[in-house]
């Protein structure tokens, strides 16, 4: 059984998540995805692509983000050093 820390599975999960973001989302989904990437300490191309997609989608709905969603996203982007 592979764990989430398995370097083969994590990029696949991040790739799937990035593709699904275009189907619609809410602030909690976006902040949770950003938090998951940062917590996984992933900095590979799939993680960066997912965070870029989260950033693009967040910009569209930032006015509906609550304080916790904003804090989680800010922390995640800072942790992974994506600007």
C-alpha atoms as a PDB file:
ATOM      1  CA  UNK A   1       0.000   0.000   0.000  1.00  0.00           C
ATOM      2  CA  UNK A   2       1.437   3.333  -1.033  1.00  0.00           C
ATOM      3  CA  UNK A   3       1.305   6.250   1.328  1.00  0.00           C
ATOM      4  CA  UNK A   4       0.660   9.882   0.423  1.00  0.00           C
ATOM      5  CA  UNK A   5       4.367  10.489   0.883  1.00  0.00           C
ATOM      6  CA  UNK A   6       5.083   8.079  -1.963  1.00  0.00           C
ATOM      7  CA  UNK A   7       6.893  10.157  -4.571  1.00  0.00           C
ATOM      8  CA  UNK A   8       5.121   8.291  -7.367  1.00  0.00           C
ATOM      9  CA  UNK A   9       1.582   8.927  -6.169  1.00  0.00           C
ATOM     10  CA  UNK A  10       1.718  12.520  -4.957  1.00  0.00           C
ATOM     11  CA  UNK A  11       2.407  14.090  -8.392  1.00  0.00           C
ATOM     12  CA  UNK A  12      -0.490  12.096  -9.863  1.00  0.00           C
ATOM     13  CA  UNK A  13      -2.853  13.313  -7.139  1.00  0.00           C
ATOM     14  CA  UNK A  14      -1.742  16.905  -7.623  1.00  0.00           C
ATOM     15  CA  UNK A  15      -2.186  16.627 -11.399  1.00  0.00           C
ATOM     16  CA  UNK A  16      -5.733  15.297 -11.002  1.00  0.00           C
ATOM     17  CA  UNK A  17      -6.575  18.007  -8.474  1.00  0.00           C
ATOM     18  CA  UNK A  18      -5.286  20.751 -10.788  1.00  0.00           C
ATOM     19  CA  UNK A  19      -7.452  19.490 -13.646  1.00  0.00           C
ATOM     20  CA  UNK A  20     -10.560  19.281 -11.441  1.00  0.00           C
ATOM     21  CA  UNK A  21     -10.209  22.873 -10.228  1.00  0.00           C
ATOM     22  CA  UNK A  22     -11.619  24.102 -13.519  1.00  0.00           C
ATOM     23  CA  UNK A  23     -14.882  22.290 -12.739  1.00  0.00           C
ATOM     24  CA  UNK A  24     -15.719  24.712  -9.955  1.00  0.00           C
ATOM     25  CA  UNK A  25     -14.608  25.288  -6.427  1.00  0.00           C
ATOM     26  CA  UNK A  26     -15.189  27.194  -3.239  1.00  0.00           C
ATOM     27  CA  UNK A  27     -12.618  29.049  -1.130  1.00  0.00           C
ATOM     28  CA  UNK A  28     -12.310  26.167   1.327  1.00  0.00           C
ATOM     29  CA  UNK A  29     -11.436  23.776  -1.523  1.00  0.00           C
ATOM     30  CA  UNK A  30      -8.729  26.096  -2.788  1.00  0.00           C
ATOM     31  CA  UNK A  31      -7.206  26.781   0.603  1.00  0.00           C
ATOM     32  CA  UNK A  32      -7.304  23.089   1.526  1.00  0.00           C
ATOM     33  CA  UNK A  33      -5.513  22.121  -1.678  1.00  0.00           C
ATOM     34  CA  UNK A  34      -2.839  24.753  -1.123  1.00  0.00           C
ATOM     35  CA  UNK A  35      -2.422  23.566   2.476  1.00  0.00           C
ATOM     36  CA  UNK A  36      -2.148  19.932   1.317  1.00  0.00           C
ATOM     37  CA  UNK A  37       0.647  20.760  -1.118  1.00  0.00           C
ATOM     38  CA  UNK A  38       2.593  22.694   1.507  1.00  0.00           C
ATOM     39  CA  UNK A  39       2.066  20.017   4.140  1.00  0.00           C
ATOM     40  CA  UNK A  40       3.309  17.350   1.722  1.00  0.00           C
ATOM     41  CA  UNK A  41       6.460  19.479   1.287  1.00  0.00           C
ATOM     42  CA  UNK A  42       6.157  18.941  -2.440  1.00  0.00           C
ATOM     43  CA  UNK A  43       8.022  21.250  -4.786  1.00  0.00           C
ATOM     44  CA  UNK A  44       7.975  19.168  -7.964  1.00  0.00           C
ATOM     45  CA  UNK A  45       6.389  20.336 -11.215  1.00  0.00           C
ATOM     46  CA  UNK A  46       2.977  18.843 -10.349  1.00  0.00           C
ATOM     47  CA  UNK A  47       2.910  20.684  -7.013  1.00  0.00           C
ATOM     48  CA  UNK A  48       3.914  23.961  -8.633  1.00  0.00           C
ATOM     49  CA  UNK A  49       1.287  23.485 -11.372  1.00  0.00           C
ATOM     50  CA  UNK A  50      -1.405  22.808  -8.772  1.00  0.00           C
ATOM     51  CA  UNK A  51      -0.450  25.891  -6.758  1.00  0.00           C
ATOM     52  CA  UNK A  52      -0.484  28.017  -9.903  1.00  0.00           C
ATOM     53  CA  UNK A  53      -3.974  26.740 -10.698  1.00  0.00           C
ATOM     54  CA  UNK A  54      -5.084  27.423  -7.108  1.00  0.00           C
ATOM     55  CA  UNK A  55      -3.677  30.938  -7.466  1.00  0.00           C
ATOM     56  CA  UNK A  56      -5.540  31.594 -10.723  1.00  0.00           C
ATOM     57  CA  UNK A  57      -8.823  30.261  -9.379  1.00  0.00           C
ATOM     58  CA  UNK A  58      -8.404  32.104  -6.067  1.00  0.00           C
ATOM     59  CA  UNK A  59      -7.929  35.413  -7.852  1.00  0.00           C
ATOM     60  CA  UNK A  60     -11.389  34.979  -9.385  1.00  0.00           C
ATOM     61  CA  UNK A  61     -13.128  34.530  -6.022  1.00  0.00           C
ATOM     62  CA  UNK A  62     -10.835  36.185  -3.475  1.00  0.00           C
ATOM     63  CA  UNK A  63     -13.663  38.497  -2.339  1.00  0.00           C
ATOM     64  CA  UNK A  64     -15.518  35.458  -0.968  1.00  0.00           C
ATOM     65  CA  UNK A  65     -12.542  34.097   0.999  1.00  0.00           C
ATOM     66  CA  UNK A  66     -12.842  34.147   4.751  1.00  0.00           C
ATOM     67  CA  UNK A  67      -9.943  34.932   7.088  1.00  0.00           C
ATOM     68  CA  UNK A  68      -9.045  31.260   7.538  1.00  0.00           C
ATOM     69  CA  UNK A  69      -9.014  30.612   3.779  1.00  0.00           C
ATOM     70  CA  UNK A  70      -6.747  33.617   3.223  1.00  0.00           C
ATOM     71  CA  UNK A  71      -4.431  32.585   6.038  1.00  0.00           C
ATOM     72  CA  UNK A  72      -4.165  28.988   4.809  1.00  0.00           C
ATOM     73  CA  UNK A  73      -3.365  30.087   1.259  1.00  0.00           C
ATOM     74  CA  UNK A  74      -0.826  32.671   2.385  1.00  0.00           C
ATOM     75  CA  UNK A  75       0.883  30.146   4.649  1.00  0.00           C
ATOM     76  CA  UNK A  76       0.933  27.463   1.942  1.00  0.00           C
ATOM     77  CA  UNK A  77       2.408  29.734  -0.717  1.00  0.00           C
ATOM     78  CA  UNK A  78       5.009  31.041   1.721  1.00  0.00           C
ATOM     79  CA  UNK A  79       5.918  27.531   2.873  1.00  0.00           C
ATOM     80  CA  UNK A  80       6.510  26.331  -0.688  1.00  0.00           C
ATOM     81  CA  UNK A  81       8.059  29.706  -1.642  1.00  0.00           C
ATOM     82  CA  UNK A  82       5.800  30.266  -4.637  1.00  0.00           C
ATOM     83  CA  UNK A  83       5.358  33.916  -5.542  1.00  0.00           C
END
